[in-house]
């Protein structure tokens, strides 16, 4: 693989952040907990429908930017080209 990154899920403990940053692969951050993600998941709805005010949405957007995706894209759909 040309690019390989570490990304923590919302349960990733904060105390492991420094250890993750010391790994060979670049640590891009963690997805923040958001109750709306759980609701959409249980309902079978697309997470691409999350509002831009969602903490999870914001954190994933930041992670994708750190990975080098389009810095000018306004939505996760734009960043992921879907």
Protein backbone atom coordinates (compact mmCIF):
# COMPACT_ATOMS: atom_id res chain seq x y z
CA UNK A 1 0.00 0.00 0.00
CA UNK A 2 1.18 3.49 -0.78
CA UNK A 3 -0.61 5.14 2.14
CA UNK A 4 -1.44 3.44 5.41
CA UNK A 5 -2.89 5.33 8.37
CA UNK A 6 -4.08 4.69 11.91
CA UNK A 7 -7.56 5.94 12.83
CA UNK A 8 -9.23 5.37 16.18
CA UNK A 9 -12.89 4.61 16.61
CA UNK A 10 -14.97 6.59 19.10
CA UNK A 11 -13.98 4.16 21.88
CA UNK A 12 -10.26 4.67 21.26
CA UNK A 13 -8.81 5.66 24.68
CA UNK A 14 -7.26 9.12 24.86
CA UNK A 15 -4.31 7.71 26.82
CA UNK A 16 -3.26 5.67 23.75
CA UNK A 17 -3.03 8.74 21.50
CA UNK A 18 0.68 9.33 22.22
CA UNK A 19 1.48 5.68 21.56
CA UNK A 20 -0.46 5.82 18.29
CA UNK A 21 1.47 8.93 17.24
CA UNK A 22 4.75 7.04 17.76
CA UNK A 23 3.85 4.21 15.38
CA UNK A 24 5.30 3.72 11.89
CA UNK A 25 1.98 4.64 10.29
CA UNK A 26 0.64 8.16 10.64
CA UNK A 27 -2.10 8.54 13.26
CA UNK A 28 -4.83 10.77 11.82
CA UNK A 29 -7.10 11.00 14.86
CA UNK A 30 -10.25 9.34 16.10
CA UNK A 31 -13.89 9.42 15.14
CA UNK A 32 -15.82 11.30 17.82
CA UNK A 33 -18.82 9.71 19.50
CA UNK A 34 -22.17 10.91 18.17
CA UNK A 35 -25.55 9.53 19.22
CA UNK A 36 -26.98 10.29 15.77
CA UNK A 37 -24.52 7.83 14.22
CA UNK A 38 -25.90 5.09 16.44
CA UNK A 39 -29.48 6.02 15.54
CA UNK A 40 -28.83 6.07 11.79
CA UNK A 41 -26.92 2.80 12.01
CA UNK A 42 -29.75 1.00 13.85
CA UNK A 43 -32.30 2.41 11.40
CA UNK A 44 -30.23 1.30 8.41
CA UNK A 45 -29.80 4.87 7.13
CA UNK A 46 -26.72 6.15 5.33
CA UNK A 47 -24.16 7.92 7.48
CA UNK A 48 -23.61 10.27 4.54
CA UNK A 49 -26.90 11.87 5.65
CA UNK A 50 -25.32 13.12 8.90
CA UNK A 51 -25.64 16.88 9.31
CA UNK A 52 -22.46 18.94 9.09
CA UNK A 53 -23.01 19.90 12.74
CA UNK A 54 -22.39 16.28 13.81
CA UNK A 55 -19.26 15.71 15.93
CA UNK A 56 -18.60 12.45 14.09
CA UNK A 57 -19.02 14.17 10.72
CA UNK A 58 -16.53 16.87 11.69
CA UNK A 59 -13.98 14.40 13.01
CA UNK A 60 -14.15 12.21 9.88
CA UNK A 61 -13.82 15.29 7.69
CA UNK A 62 -10.67 16.30 9.61
CA UNK A 63 -9.26 12.77 9.33
CA UNK A 64 -9.81 12.73 5.56
CA UNK A 65 -8.14 16.13 5.22
CA UNK A 66 -5.13 14.88 7.19
CA UNK A 67 -4.97 11.95 4.77
CA UNK A 68 -4.59 14.45 1.94
CA UNK A 69 -8.07 14.52 0.44
CA UNK A 70 -9.46 17.68 -1.13
CA UNK A 71 -9.16 20.51 1.38
CA UNK A 72 -11.84 22.56 -0.40
CA UNK A 73 -14.56 19.89 -0.41
CA UNK A 74 -17.58 20.92 1.63
CA UNK A 75 -19.19 17.58 2.38
CA UNK A 76 -18.18 14.01 3.17
CA UNK A 77 -19.82 12.95 -0.09
CA UNK A 78 -17.50 15.35 -1.94
CA UNK A 79 -14.45 14.12 0.00
CA UNK A 80 -15.31 10.49 -0.73
CA UNK A 81 -16.45 11.16 -4.30
CA UNK A 82 -19.82 9.44 -3.78
